[in-house]
Amino acid sequence: MKHPVDVHVGKRVRHRRWMVGMTQQQLASRVGIKFQQIQKYETGMNRISASRLWDIADALEVPVSFFFEGLDDSDGMAAFEQSGLPGDILADKEALELVRSYYAMPEPQRRRLFDLARVMSDVA
């Protein structure tokens, strides 16, 4: 049976890996394990040991605490769910690609796109 903390940490590993554009194989190589193990971590099937989490954090260039962010924020999660957005929006590959593309743009273009999106969403 999967523990909710292991599932949360695994999702955070997957989200960060997607955000930096890294494959499971690339992450596994950097950590020194097989990509199948990364798959098991990301689904929460296998619990990540402290030393392995340290290695994964180093490979993904985030502090270990990154993987636990939002874990006990039940009030924030309830507000997010009431917003009409899916609870795990970053699990959607299209949404992640959009975010990655957005941050790859120069600041002035990013600001204009943001303003356009706001106007369009107000119309809808």
PDB file of N, CA and C in Angstrom:
ATOM      1  N   MET A   1       0.838  -1.183   0.000  1.00  0.00           N
ATOM      2  CA  MET A   1       0.000   0.000   0.000  1.00  0.00           C
ATOM      3  C   MET A   1       0.885   1.249   0.000  1.00  0.00           C
ATOM      4  N   LYS A   2       0.556   2.186  -0.869  1.00  0.00           N
ATOM      5  CA  LYS A   2       1.352   3.403  -0.994  1.00  0.00           C
ATOM      6  C   LYS A   2       1.067   4.352   0.162  1.00  0.00           C
ATOM      7  N   HIS A   3       2.111   4.938   0.708  1.00  0.00           N
ATOM      8  CA  HIS A   3       1.953   5.947   1.751  1.00  0.00           C
ATOM      9  C   HIS A   3       1.781   7.302   1.071  1.00  0.00           C
ATOM     10  N   PRO A   4       0.845   8.134   1.541  1.00  0.00           N
ATOM     11  CA  PRO A   4       0.603   9.433   0.893  1.00  0.00           C
ATOM     12  C   PRO A   4       1.848  10.321   0.801  1.00  0.00           C
ATOM     13  N   VAL A   5       2.738  10.240   1.772  1.00  0.00           N
ATOM     14  CA  VAL A   5       3.967  11.044   1.722  1.00  0.00           C
ATOM     15  C   VAL A   5       4.858  10.569   0.573  1.00  0.00           C
ATOM     16  N   ASP A   6       4.966   9.262   0.400  1.00  0.00           N
ATOM     17  CA  ASP A   6       5.784   8.720  -0.690  1.00  0.00           C
ATOM     18  C   ASP A   6       5.212   9.117  -2.046  1.00  0.00           C
ATOM     19  N   VAL A   7       3.896   9.118  -2.161  1.00  0.00           N
ATOM     20  CA  VAL A   7       3.237   9.527  -3.410  1.00  0.00           C
ATOM     21  C   VAL A   7       3.512  11.004  -3.674  1.00  0.00           C
ATOM     22  N   HIS A   8       3.398  11.833  -2.646  1.00  0.00           N
ATOM     23  CA  HIS A   8       3.638  13.277  -2.799  1.00  0.00           C
ATOM     24  C   HIS A   8       5.082  13.544  -3.219  1.00  0.00           C
ATOM     25  N   VAL A   9       6.020  12.931  -2.530  1.00  0.00           N
ATOM     26  CA  VAL A   9       7.442  13.124  -2.854  1.00  0.00           C
ATOM     27  C   VAL A   9       7.719  12.645  -4.275  1.00  0.00           C
ATOM     28  N   GLY A  10       7.158  11.511  -4.658  1.00  0.00           N
ATOM     29  CA  GLY A  10       7.346  10.996  -6.017  1.00  0.00           C
ATOM     30  C   GLY A  10       6.808  11.945  -7.071  1.00  0.00           C
ATOM     31  N   LYS A  11       5.639  12.526  -6.815  1.00  0.00           N
ATOM     32  CA  LYS A  11       5.073  13.501  -7.755  1.00  0.00           C
ATOM     33  C   LYS A  11       5.971  14.718  -7.885  1.00  0.00           C
ATOM     34  N   ARG A  12       6.535  15.156  -6.766  1.00  0.00           N
ATOM     35  CA  ARG A  12       7.418  16.328  -6.799  1.00  0.00           C
ATOM     36  C   ARG A  12       8.698  16.013  -7.584  1.00  0.00           C
ATOM     37  N   VAL A  13       9.195  14.786  -7.465  1.00  0.00           N
ATOM     38  CA  VAL A  13      10.364  14.370  -8.257  1.00  0.00           C
ATOM     39  C   VAL A  13      10.007  14.441  -9.740  1.00  0.00           C
ATOM     40  N   ARG A  14       8.861  13.846 -10.101  1.00  0.00           N
ATOM     41  CA  ARG A  14       8.442  13.838 -11.505  1.00  0.00           C
ATOM     42  C   ARG A  14       8.238  15.255 -12.030  1.00  0.00           C
ATOM     43  N   HIS A  15       7.575  16.102 -11.261  1.00  0.00           N
ATOM     44  CA  HIS A  15       7.322  17.473 -11.709  1.00  0.00           C
ATOM     45  C   HIS A  15       8.622  18.231 -11.942  1.00  0.00           C
ATOM     46  N   ARG A  16       9.540  18.111 -11.011  1.00  0.00           N
ATOM     47  CA  ARG A  16      10.818  18.825 -11.175  1.00  0.00           C
ATOM     48  C   ARG A  16      11.589  18.277 -12.376  1.00  0.00           C
ATOM     49  N   ARG A  17      11.570  16.962 -12.538  1.00  0.00           N
ATOM     50  CA  ARG A  17      12.282  16.354 -13.671  1.00  0.00           C
ATOM     51  C   ARG A  17      11.703  16.871 -14.978  1.00  0.00           C
ATOM     52  N   TRP A  18      10.378  16.936 -15.071  1.00  0.00           N
ATOM     53  CA  TRP A  18       9.727  17.469 -16.274  1.00  0.00           C
ATOM     54  C   TRP A  18      10.068  18.932 -16.476  1.00  0.00           C
ATOM     55  N   MET A  19      10.083  19.702 -15.404  1.00  0.00           N
ATOM     56  CA  MET A  19      10.342  21.139 -15.512  1.00  0.00           C
ATOM     57  C   MET A  19      11.737  21.426 -16.072  1.00  0.00           C
ATOM     58  N   VAL A  20      12.686  20.599 -15.710  1.00  0.00           N
ATOM     59  CA  VAL A  20      14.048  20.813 -16.213  1.00  0.00           C
ATOM     60  C   VAL A  20      14.287  20.073 -17.530  1.00  0.00           C
ATOM     61  N   GLY A  21      13.275  19.346 -18.009  1.00  0.00           N
ATOM     62  CA  GLY A  21      13.397  18.661 -19.299  1.00  0.00           C
ATOM     63  C   GLY A  21      14.289  17.436 -19.259  1.00  0.00           C
ATOM     64  N   MET A  22      14.282  16.727 -18.156  1.00  0.00           N
ATOM     65  CA  MET A  22      15.133  15.554 -17.990  1.00  0.00           C
ATOM     66  C   MET A  22      14.291  14.280 -18.108  1.00  0.00           C
ATOM     67  N   THR A  23      14.833  13.265 -18.748  1.00  0.00           N
ATOM     68  CA  THR A  23      14.136  11.981 -18.844  1.00  0.00           C
ATOM     69  C   THR A  23      14.414  11.158 -17.585  1.00  0.00           C
ATOM     70  N   GLN A  24      13.625  10.116 -17.407  1.00  0.00           N
ATOM     71  CA  GLN A  24      13.872   9.204 -16.286  1.00  0.00           C
ATOM     72  C   GLN A  24      15.250   8.570 -16.417  1.00  0.00           C
ATOM     73  N   GLN A  25      15.627   8.241 -17.642  1.00  0.00           N
ATOM     74  CA  GLN A  25      16.936   7.626 -17.872  1.00  0.00           C
ATOM     75  C   GLN A  25      18.065   8.577 -17.485  1.00  0.00           C
ATOM     76  N   GLN A  26      17.930   9.840 -17.836  1.00  0.00           N
ATOM     77  CA  GLN A  26      18.966  10.823 -17.506  1.00  0.00           C
ATOM     78  C   GLN A  26      19.091  11.002 -15.997  1.00  0.00           C
ATOM     79  N   LEU A  27      17.957  11.092 -15.313  1.00  0.00           N
ATOM     80  CA  LEU A  27      17.993  11.225 -13.859  1.00  0.00           C
ATOM     81  C   LEU A  27      18.600   9.986 -13.229  1.00  0.00           C
ATOM     82  N   ALA A  28      18.187   8.825 -13.699  1.00  0.00           N
ATOM     83  CA  ALA A  28      18.725   7.574 -13.158  1.00  0.00           C
ATOM     84  C   ALA A  28      20.242   7.516 -13.329  1.00  0.00           C
ATOM     85  N   SER A  29      20.733   7.921 -14.491  1.00  0.00           N
ATOM     86  CA  SER A  29      22.177   7.905 -14.743  1.00  0.00           C
ATOM     87  C   SER A  29      22.916   8.825 -13.785  1.00  0.00           C
ATOM     88  N   ARG A  30      22.343   9.997 -13.537  1.00  0.00           N
ATOM     89  CA  ARG A  30      22.988  10.958 -12.631  1.00  0.00           C
ATOM     90  C   ARG A  30      23.005  10.463 -11.194  1.00  0.00           C
ATOM     91  N   VAL A  31      21.981   9.680 -10.846  1.00  0.00           N
ATOM     92  CA  VAL A  31      21.881   9.183  -9.476  1.00  0.00           C
ATOM     93  C   VAL A  31      22.588   7.833  -9.322  1.00  0.00           C
ATOM     94  N   GLY A  32      22.810   7.136 -10.441  1.00  0.00           N
ATOM     95  CA  GLY A  32      23.509   5.857 -10.398  1.00  0.00           C
ATOM     96  C   GLY A  32      22.598   4.661 -10.165  1.00  0.00           C
ATOM     97  N   ILE A  33      21.381   4.747 -10.688  1.00  0.00           N
ATOM     98  CA  ILE A  33      20.426   3.643 -10.558  1.00  0.00           C
ATOM     99  C   ILE A  33      19.773   3.384 -11.913  1.00  0.00           C
ATOM    100  N   LYS A  34      18.900   2.401 -11.982  1.00  0.00           N
ATOM    101  CA  LYS A  34      18.169   2.087 -13.219  1.00  0.00           C
ATOM    102  C   LYS A  34      16.936   2.978 -13.321  1.00  0.00           C
ATOM    103  N   PHE A  35      16.518   3.273 -14.559  1.00  0.00           N
ATOM    104  CA  PHE A  35      15.372   4.162 -14.741  1.00  0.00           C
ATOM    105  C   PHE A  35      14.089   3.560 -14.181  1.00  0.00           C
ATOM    106  N   GLN A  36      14.007   2.232 -14.104  1.00  0.00           N
ATOM    107  CA  GLN A  36      12.815   1.596 -13.543  1.00  0.00           C
ATOM    108  C   GLN A  36      12.630   1.978 -12.077  1.00  0.00           C
ATOM    109  N   GLN A  37      13.747   2.195 -11.395  1.00  0.00           N
ATOM    110  CA  GLN A  37      13.666   2.605  -9.992  1.00  0.00           C
ATOM    111  C   GLN A  37      13.095   4.014  -9.893  1.00  0.00           C
ATOM    112  N   ILE A  38      13.475   4.887 -10.823  1.00  0.00           N
ATOM    113  CA  ILE A  38      12.911   6.238 -10.857  1.00  0.00           C
ATOM    114  C   ILE A  38      11.403   6.144 -11.077  1.00  0.00           C
ATOM    115  N   GLN A  39      10.976   5.252 -11.969  1.00  0.00           N
ATOM    116  CA  GLN A  39       9.541   5.062 -12.207  1.00  0.00           C
ATOM    117  C   GLN A  39       8.826   4.689 -10.914  1.00  0.00           C
ATOM    118  N   LYS A  40       9.402   3.784 -10.165  1.00  0.00           N
ATOM    119  CA  LYS A  40       8.783   3.341  -8.913  1.00  0.00           C
ATOM    120  C   LYS A  40       8.755   4.465  -7.884  1.00  0.00           C
ATOM    121  N   TYR A  41       9.810   5.269  -7.836  1.00  0.00           N
ATOM    122  CA  TYR A  41       9.825   6.411  -6.922  1.00  0.00           C
ATOM    123  C   TYR A  41       8.727   7.411  -7.291  1.00  0.00           C
ATOM    124  N   GLU A  42       8.618   7.696  -8.580  1.00  0.00           N
ATOM    125  CA  GLU A  42       7.683   8.724  -9.031  1.00  0.00           C
ATOM    126  C   GLU A  42       6.224   8.331  -8.807  1.00  0.00           C
ATOM    127  N   THR A  43       5.931   7.060  -8.765  1.00  0.00           N
ATOM    128  CA  THR A  43       4.560   6.619  -8.513  1.00  0.00           C
ATOM    129  C   THR A  43       4.291   6.411  -7.031  1.00  0.00           C
ATOM    130  N   GLY A  44       5.339   6.460  -6.225  1.00  0.00           N
ATOM    131  CA  GLY A  44       5.179   6.216  -4.795  1.00  0.00           C
ATOM    132  C   GLY A  44       5.184   4.745  -4.441  1.00  0.00           C
ATOM    133  N   MET A  45       5.432   3.887  -5.430  1.00  0.00           N
ATOM    134  CA  MET A  45       5.488   2.446  -5.169  1.00  0.00           C
ATOM    135  C   MET A  45       6.646   2.108  -4.230  1.00  0.00           C
ATOM    136  N   ASN A  46       7.782   2.736  -4.454  1.00  0.00           N
ATOM    137  CA  ASN A  46       8.949   2.532  -3.593  1.00  0.00           C
ATOM    138  C   ASN A  46       9.256   3.821  -2.854  1.00  0.00           C
ATOM    139  N   ARG A  47       9.576   3.669  -1.602  1.00  0.00           N
ATOM    140  CA  ARG A  47       9.953   4.807  -0.758  1.00  0.00           C
ATOM    141  C   ARG A  47      11.396   5.196  -1.076  1.00  0.00           C
ATOM    142  N   ILE A  48      11.647   6.502  -1.128  1.00  0.00           N
ATOM    143  CA  ILE A  48      12.992   7.006  -1.422  1.00  0.00           C
ATOM    144  C   ILE A  48      13.729   7.191  -0.099  1.00  0.00           C
ATOM    145  N   SER A  49      14.900   6.564   0.024  1.00  0.00           N
ATOM    146  CA  SER A  49      15.696   6.722   1.241  1.00  0.00           C
ATOM    147  C   SER A  49      16.242   8.147   1.324  1.00  0.00           C
ATOM    148  N   ALA A  50      16.650   8.546   2.495  1.00  0.00           N
ATOM    149  CA  ALA A  50      17.163   9.904   2.705  1.00  0.00           C
ATOM    150  C   ALA A  50      18.382  10.178   1.827  1.00  0.00           C
ATOM    151  N   SER A  51      19.312   9.236   1.759  1.00  0.00           N
ATOM    152  CA  SER A  51      20.518   9.463   0.961  1.00  0.00           C
ATOM    153  C   SER A  51      20.197   9.514  -0.533  1.00  0.00           C
ATOM    154  N   ARG A  52      19.243   8.705  -0.983  1.00  0.00           N
ATOM    155  CA  ARG A  52      18.857   8.718  -2.387  1.00  0.00           C
ATOM    156  C   ARG A  52      18.123  10.013  -2.719  1.00  0.00           C
ATOM    157  N   LEU A  53      17.274  10.480  -1.793  1.00  0.00           N
ATOM    158  CA  LEU A  53      16.571  11.742  -2.003  1.00  0.00           C
ATOM    159  C   LEU A  53      17.568  12.886  -2.094  1.00  0.00           C
ATOM    160  N   TRP A  54      18.616  12.813  -1.299  1.00  0.00           N
ATOM    161  CA  TRP A  54      19.682  13.811  -1.343  1.00  0.00           C
ATOM    162  C   TRP A  54      20.334  13.823  -2.730  1.00  0.00           C
ATOM    163  N   ASP A  55      20.616  12.649  -3.269  1.00  0.00           N
ATOM    164  CA  ASP A  55      21.226  12.533  -4.601  1.00  0.00           C
ATOM    165  C   ASP A  55      20.283  13.050  -5.693  1.00  0.00           C
ATOM    166  N   ILE A  56      18.998  12.729  -5.574  1.00  0.00           N
ATOM    167  CA  ILE A  56      18.016  13.186  -6.555  1.00  0.00           C
ATOM    168  C   ILE A  56      17.893  14.710  -6.502  1.00  0.00           C
ATOM    169  N   ALA A  57      17.851  15.260  -5.298  1.00  0.00           N
ATOM    170  CA  ALA A  57      17.780  16.719  -5.143  1.00  0.00           C
ATOM    171  C   ALA A  57      18.992  17.382  -5.786  1.00  0.00           C
ATOM    172  N   ASP A  58      20.157  16.787  -5.594  1.00  0.00           N
ATOM    173  CA  ASP A  58      21.384  17.328  -6.191  1.00  0.00           C
ATOM    174  C   ASP A  58      21.306  17.272  -7.719  1.00  0.00           C
ATOM    175  N   ALA A  59      20.847  16.158  -8.256  1.00  0.00           N
ATOM    176  CA  ALA A  59      20.744  15.994  -9.715  1.00  0.00           C
ATOM    177  C   ALA A  59      19.719  16.954 -10.314  1.00  0.00           C
ATOM    178  N   LEU A  60      18.649  17.250  -9.563  1.00  0.00           N
ATOM    179  CA  LEU A  60      17.593  18.136 -10.063  1.00  0.00           C
ATOM    180  C   LEU A  60      17.798  19.593  -9.618  1.00  0.00           C
ATOM    181  N   GLU A  61      18.885  19.817  -8.896  1.00  0.00           N
ATOM    182  CA  GLU A  61      19.284  21.162  -8.462  1.00  0.00           C
ATOM    183  C   GLU A  61      18.211  21.880  -7.648  1.00  0.00           C
ATOM    184  N   VAL A  62      17.701  21.174  -6.637  1.00  0.00           N
ATOM    185  CA  VAL A  62      16.749  21.747  -5.688  1.00  0.00           C
ATOM    186  C   VAL A  62      17.135  21.283  -4.285  1.00  0.00           C
ATOM    187  N   PRO A  63      16.722  22.024  -3.253  1.00  0.00           N
ATOM    188  CA  PRO A  63      16.956  21.533  -1.895  1.00  0.00           C
ATOM    189  C   PRO A  63      16.043  20.341  -1.602  1.00  0.00           C
ATOM    190  N   VAL A  64      16.426  19.500  -0.684  1.00  0.00           N
ATOM    191  CA  VAL A  64      15.618  18.329  -0.329  1.00  0.00           C
ATOM    192  C   VAL A  64      14.220  18.768   0.109  1.00  0.00           C
ATOM    193  N   SER A  65      14.116  19.897   0.768  1.00  0.00           N
ATOM    194  CA  SER A  65      12.819  20.381   1.256  1.00  0.00           C
ATOM    195  C   SER A  65      11.818  20.612   0.122  1.00  0.00           C
ATOM    196  N   PHE A  66      12.322  20.818  -1.101  1.00  0.00           N
ATOM    197  CA  PHE A  66      11.446  21.022  -2.260  1.00  0.00           C
ATOM    198  C   PHE A  66      10.430  19.886  -2.403  1.00  0.00           C
ATOM    199  N   PHE A  67      10.856  18.666  -2.116  1.00  0.00           N
ATOM    200  CA  PHE A  67      10.005  17.501  -2.333  1.00  0.00           C
ATOM    201  C   PHE A  67       8.875  17.392  -1.315  1.00  0.00           C
ATOM    202  N   PHE A  68       8.977  18.152  -0.227  1.00  0.00           N
ATOM    203  CA  PHE A  68       7.956  18.108   0.819  1.00  0.00           C
ATOM    204  C   PHE A  68       7.055  19.337   0.815  1.00  0.00           C
ATOM    205  N   GLU A  69       7.327  20.285  -0.066  1.00  0.00           N
ATOM    206  CA  GLU A  69       6.512  21.496  -0.124  1.00  0.00           C
ATOM    207  C   GLU A  69       5.070  21.145  -0.455  1.00  0.00           C
ATOM    208  N   GLY A  70       4.147  21.780   0.256  1.00  0.00           N
ATOM    209  CA  GLY A  70       2.731  21.580   0.021  1.00  0.00           C
ATOM    210  C   GLY A  70       2.163  20.329   0.650  1.00  0.00           C
ATOM    211  N   LEU A  71       2.969  19.583   1.365  1.00  0.00           N
ATOM    212  CA  LEU A  71       2.520  18.312   1.924  1.00  0.00           C
ATOM    213  C   LEU A  71       1.449  18.482   2.989  1.00  0.00           C
ATOM    214  N   ASP A  72       1.629  19.449   3.886  1.00  0.00           N
ATOM    215  CA  ASP A  72       0.671  19.596   4.974  1.00  0.00           C
ATOM    216  C   ASP A  72      -0.150  20.876   4.845  1.00  0.00           C
ATOM    217  N   ASP A  73      -0.233  21.403   3.665  1.00  0.00           N
ATOM    218  CA  ASP A  73      -0.955  22.643   3.417  1.00  0.00           C
ATOM    219  C   ASP A  73      -2.386  22.344   2.990  1.00  0.00           C
ATOM    220  N   SER A  74      -3.162  21.782   3.902  1.00  0.00           N
ATOM    221  CA  SER A  74      -4.524  21.380   3.547  1.00  0.00           C
ATOM    222  C   SER A  74      -5.408  22.583   3.244  1.00  0.00           C
ATOM    223  N   ASP A  75      -5.215  23.721   3.927  1.00  0.00           N
ATOM    224  CA  ASP A  75      -6.013  24.914   3.649  1.00  0.00           C
ATOM    225  C   ASP A  75      -5.723  25.437   2.254  1.00  0.00           C
ATOM    226  N   GLY A  76      -4.466  25.504   1.883  1.00  0.00           N
ATOM    227  CA  GLY A  76      -4.085  25.976   0.560  1.00  0.00           C
ATOM    228  C   GLY A  76      -4.600  25.060  -0.527  1.00  0.00           C
ATOM    229  N   MET A  77      -4.582  23.765  -0.281  1.00  0.00           N
ATOM    230  CA  MET A  77      -5.069  22.798  -1.263  1.00  0.00           C
ATOM    231  C   MET A  77      -6.577  22.942  -1.450  1.00  0.00           C
ATOM    232  N   ALA A  78      -7.306  23.174  -0.360  1.00  0.00           N
ATOM    233  CA  ALA A  78      -8.760  23.339  -0.460  1.00  0.00           C
ATOM    234  C   ALA A  78      -9.097  24.566  -1.300  1.00  0.00           C
ATOM    235  N   ALA A  79      -8.361  25.657  -1.098  1.00  0.00           N
ATOM    236  CA  ALA A  79      -8.594  26.875  -1.885  1.00  0.00           C
ATOM    237  C   ALA A  79      -8.277  26.620  -3.354  1.00  0.00           C
ATOM    238  N   PHE A  80      -7.225  25.857  -3.625  1.00  0.00           N
ATOM    239  CA  PHE A  80      -6.851  25.544  -4.996  1.00  0.00           C
ATOM    240  C   PHE A  80      -7.941  24.721  -5.670  1.00  0.00           C
ATOM    241  N   GLU A  81      -8.477  23.741  -4.952  1.00  0.00           N
ATOM    242  CA  GLU A  81      -9.516  22.885  -5.524  1.00  0.00           C
ATOM    243  C   GLU A  81     -10.786  23.684  -5.822  1.00  0.00           C
ATOM    244  N   GLN A  82     -11.086  24.690  -4.998  1.00  0.00           N
ATOM    245  CA  GLN A  82     -12.262  25.520  -5.225  1.00  0.00           C
ATOM    246  C   GLN A  82     -12.084  26.443  -6.422  1.00  0.00           C
ATOM    247  N   SER A  83     -10.865  26.615  -6.880  1.00  0.00           N
ATOM    248  CA  SER A  83     -10.598  27.498  -8.010  1.00  0.00           C
ATOM    249  C   SER A  83     -11.081  26.908  -9.329  1.00  0.00           C
ATOM    250  N   GLY A  84     -11.448  25.640  -9.326  1.00  0.00           N
ATOM    251  CA  GLY A  84     -11.920  24.997 -10.550  1.00  0.00           C
ATOM    252  C   GLY A  84     -10.794  24.333 -11.336  1.00  0.00           C
ATOM    253  N   LEU A  85      -9.571  24.434 -10.853  1.00  0.00           N
ATOM    254  CA  LEU A  85      -8.432  23.799 -11.524  1.00  0.00           C
ATOM    255  C   LEU A  85      -8.266  22.381 -11.015  1.00  0.00           C
ATOM    256  N   PRO A  86      -7.711  21.484 -11.830  1.00  0.00           N
ATOM    257  CA  PRO A  86      -7.470  20.126 -11.347  1.00  0.00           C
ATOM    258  C   PRO A  86      -6.483  20.151 -10.187  1.00  0.00           C
ATOM    259  N   GLY A  87      -6.631  19.234  -9.251  1.00  0.00           N
ATOM    260  CA  GLY A  87      -5.777  19.203  -8.065  1.00  0.00           C
ATOM    261  C   GLY A  87      -4.305  19.017  -8.373  1.00  0.00           C
ATOM    262  N   ASP A  88      -3.980  18.358  -9.452  1.00  0.00           N
ATOM    263  CA  ASP A  88      -2.580  18.089  -9.789  1.00  0.00           C
ATOM    264  C   ASP A  88      -2.310  18.597 -11.193  1.00  0.00           C
ATOM    265  N   ILE A  89      -2.424  19.904 -11.360  1.00  0.00           N
ATOM    266  CA  ILE A  89      -2.312  20.515 -12.691  1.00  0.00           C
ATOM    267  C   ILE A  89      -0.950  20.248 -13.333  1.00  0.00           C
ATOM    268  N   LEU A  90       0.104  20.138 -12.517  1.00  0.00           N
ATOM    269  CA  LEU A  90       1.423  19.908 -13.093  1.00  0.00           C
ATOM    270  C   LEU A  90       1.636  18.466 -13.540  1.00  0.00           C
ATOM    271  N   ALA A  91       0.651  17.598 -13.296  1.00  0.00           N
ATOM    272  CA  ALA A  91       0.740  16.236 -13.813  1.00  0.00           C
ATOM    273  C   ALA A  91       0.356  16.201 -15.287  1.00  0.00           C
ATOM    274  N   ASP A  92      -0.253  17.286 -15.764  1.00  0.00           N
ATOM    275  CA  ASP A  92      -0.655  17.389 -17.166  1.00  0.00           C
ATOM    276  C   ASP A  92       0.555  17.820 -17.983  1.00  0.00           C
ATOM    277  N   LYS A  93       0.977  16.988 -18.917  1.00  0.00           N
ATOM    278  CA  LYS A  93       2.178  17.296 -19.706  1.00  0.00           C
ATOM    279  C   LYS A  93       2.015  18.575 -20.516  1.00  0.00           C
ATOM    280  N   GLU A  94       0.818  18.831 -21.006  1.00  0.00           N
ATOM    281  CA  GLU A  94       0.579  20.050 -21.775  1.00  0.00           C
ATOM    282  C   GLU A  94       0.769  21.285 -20.894  1.00  0.00           C
ATOM    283  N   ALA A  95       0.283  21.226 -19.667  1.00  0.00           N
ATOM    284  CA  ALA A  95       0.445  22.349 -18.744  1.00  0.00           C
ATOM    285  C   ALA A  95       1.923  22.561 -18.417  1.00  0.00           C
ATOM    286  N   LEU A  96       2.651  21.484 -18.223  1.00  0.00           N
ATOM    287  CA  LEU A  96       4.082  21.607 -17.945  1.00  0.00           C
ATOM    288  C   LEU A  96       4.842  22.187 -19.128  1.00  0.00           C
ATOM    289  N   GLU A  97       4.482  21.757 -20.328  1.00  0.00           N
ATOM    290  CA  GLU A  97       5.132  22.287 -21.531  1.00  0.00           C
ATOM    291  C   GLU A  97       4.848  23.771 -21.675  1.00  0.00           C
ATOM    292  N   LEU A  98       3.626  24.168 -21.355  1.00  0.00           N
ATOM    293  CA  LEU A  98       3.259  25.580 -21.408  1.00  0.00           C
ATOM    294  C   LEU A  98       4.078  26.391 -20.412  1.00  0.00           C
ATOM    295  N   VAL A  99       4.209  25.896 -19.208  1.00  0.00           N
ATOM    296  CA  VAL A  99       4.993  26.600 -18.184  1.00  0.00           C
ATOM    297  C   VAL A  99       6.458  26.680 -18.593  1.00  0.00           C
ATOM    298  N   ARG A 100       6.994  25.581 -19.105  1.00  0.00           N
ATOM    299  CA  ARG A 100       8.399  25.557 -19.534  1.00  0.00           C
ATOM    300  C   ARG A 100       8.633  26.568 -20.664  1.00  0.00           C
ATOM    301  N   SER A 101       7.716  26.603 -21.620  1.00  0.00           N
ATOM    302  CA  SER A 101       7.833  27.544 -22.743  1.00  0.00           C
ATOM    303  C   SER A 101       7.704  28.985 -22.268  1.00  0.00           C
ATOM    304  N   TYR A 102       6.780  29.208 -21.352  1.00  0.00           N
ATOM    305  CA  TYR A 102       6.551  30.547 -20.806  1.00  0.00           C
ATOM    306  C   TYR A 102       7.836  31.107 -20.178  1.00  0.00           C
ATOM    307  N   TYR A 103       8.494  30.303 -19.353  1.00  0.00           N
ATOM    308  CA  TYR A 103       9.697  30.777 -18.680  1.00  0.00           C
ATOM    309  C   TYR A 103      10.928  30.808 -19.588  1.00  0.00           C
ATOM    310  N   ALA A 104      10.829  30.227 -20.760  1.00  0.00           N
ATOM    311  CA  ALA A 104      11.930  30.303 -21.725  1.00  0.00           C
ATOM    312  C   ALA A 104      11.892  31.616 -22.508  1.00  0.00           C
ATOM    313  N   MET A 105      10.780  32.335 -22.404  1.00  0.00           N
ATOM    314  CA  MET A 105      10.618  33.598 -23.145  1.00  0.00           C
ATOM    315  C   MET A 105      11.328  34.739 -22.421  1.00  0.00           C
ATOM    316  N   PRO A 106      11.748  35.752 -23.170  1.00  0.00           N
ATOM    317  CA  PRO A 106      12.303  36.952 -22.528  1.00  0.00           C
ATOM    318  C   PRO A 106      11.214  37.653 -21.709  1.00  0.00           C
ATOM    319  N   GLU A 107      11.600  38.330 -20.664  1.00  0.00           N
ATOM    320  CA  GLU A 107      10.662  38.961 -19.738  1.00  0.00           C
ATOM    321  C   GLU A 107       9.617  39.850 -20.411  1.00  0.00           C
ATOM    322  N   PRO A 108       9.979  40.742 -21.337  1.00  0.00           N
ATOM    323  CA  PRO A 108       8.942  41.600 -21.942  1.00  0.00           C
ATOM    324  C   PRO A 108       7.865  40.803 -22.689  1.00  0.00           C
ATOM    325  N   GLN A 109       8.270  39.768 -23.411  1.00  0.00           N
ATOM    326  CA  GLN A 109       7.298  38.933 -24.127  1.00  0.00           C
ATOM    327  C   GLN A 109       6.451  38.135 -23.139  1.00  0.00           C
ATOM    328  N   ARG A 110       7.079  37.665 -22.081  1.00  0.00           N
ATOM    329  CA  ARG A 110       6.363  36.897 -21.066  1.00  0.00           C
ATOM    330  C   ARG A 110       5.271  37.759 -20.431  1.00  0.00           C
ATOM    331  N   ARG A 111       5.596  39.003 -20.135  1.00  0.00           N
ATOM    332  CA  ARG A 111       4.634  39.923 -19.524  1.00  0.00           C
ATOM    333  C   ARG A 111       3.445  40.165 -20.462  1.00  0.00           C
ATOM    334  N   ARG A 112       3.736  40.358 -21.756  1.00  0.00           N
ATOM    335  CA  ARG A 112       2.668  40.594 -22.728  1.00  0.00           C
ATOM    336  C   ARG A 112       1.763  39.367 -22.867  1.00  0.00           C
ATOM    337  N   LEU A 113       2.371  38.180 -22.879  1.00  0.00           N
ATOM    338  CA  LEU A 113       1.580  36.956 -22.957  1.00  0.00           C
ATOM    339  C   LEU A 113       0.714  36.795 -21.715  1.00  0.00           C
ATOM    340  N   PHE A 114       1.264  37.101 -20.565  1.00  0.00           N
ATOM    341  CA  PHE A 114       0.516  37.018 -19.315  1.00  0.00           C
ATOM    342  C   PHE A 114      -0.690  37.956 -19.347  1.00  0.00           C
ATOM    343  N   ASP A 115      -0.474  39.194 -19.796  1.00  0.00           N
ATOM    344  CA  ASP A 115      -1.565  40.163 -19.895  1.00  0.00           C
ATOM    345  C   ASP A 115      -2.642  39.681 -20.875  1.00  0.00           C
ATOM    346  N   LEU A 116      -2.210  39.126 -21.998  1.00  0.00           N
ATOM    347  CA  LEU A 116      -3.150  38.600 -22.980  1.00  0.00           C
ATOM    348  C   LEU A 116      -3.987  37.461 -22.382  1.00  0.00           C
ATOM    349  N   ALA A 117      -3.337  36.563 -21.679  1.00  0.00           N
ATOM    350  CA  ALA A 117      -4.052  35.429 -21.065  1.00  0.00           C
ATOM    351  C   ALA A 117      -5.073  35.927 -20.049  1.00  0.00           C
ATOM    352  N   ARG A 118      -4.717  36.929 -19.289  1.00  0.00           N
ATOM    353  CA  ARG A 118      -5.663  37.481 -18.308  1.00  0.00           C
ATOM    354  C   ARG A 118      -6.890  38.066 -18.997  1.00  0.00           C
ATOM    355  N   VAL A 119      -6.654  38.826 -20.063  1.00  0.00           N
ATOM    356  CA  VAL A 119      -7.767  39.426 -20.798  1.00  0.00           C
ATOM    357  C   VAL A 119      -8.663  38.345 -21.385  1.00  0.00           C
ATOM    358  N   MET A 120      -8.046  37.330 -21.981  1.00  0.00           N
ATOM    359  CA  MET A 120      -8.825  36.256 -22.607  1.00  0.00           C
ATOM    360  C   MET A 120      -9.615  35.463 -21.562  1.00  0.00           C
ATOM    361  N   SER A 121      -9.038  35.226 -20.397  1.00  0.00           N
ATOM    362  CA  SER A 121      -9.741  34.453 -19.376  1.00  0.00           C
ATOM    363  C   SER A 121     -10.883  35.266 -18.762  1.00  0.00           C
ATOM    364  N   ASP A 122     -10.766  36.585 -18.731  1.00  0.00           N
ATOM    365  CA  ASP A 122     -11.852  37.430 -18.236  1.00  0.00           C
ATOM    366  C   ASP A 122     -13.030  37.422 -19.184  1.00  0.00           C
ATOM    367  N   VAL A 123     -12.756  37.240 -20.481  1.00  0.00           N
ATOM    368  CA  VAL A 123     -13.809  37.219 -21.499  1.00  0.00           C
ATOM    369  C   VAL A 123     -14.581  35.895 -21.421  1.00  0.00           C
ATOM    370  N   ALA A 124     -13.848  34.827 -21.163  1.00  0.00           N
ATOM    371  CA  ALA A 124     -14.449  33.473 -21.187  1.00  0.00           C
ATOM    372  C   ALA A 124     -15.459  33.240 -20.109  1.00  0.00           C
TER     373      ALA A 124
END
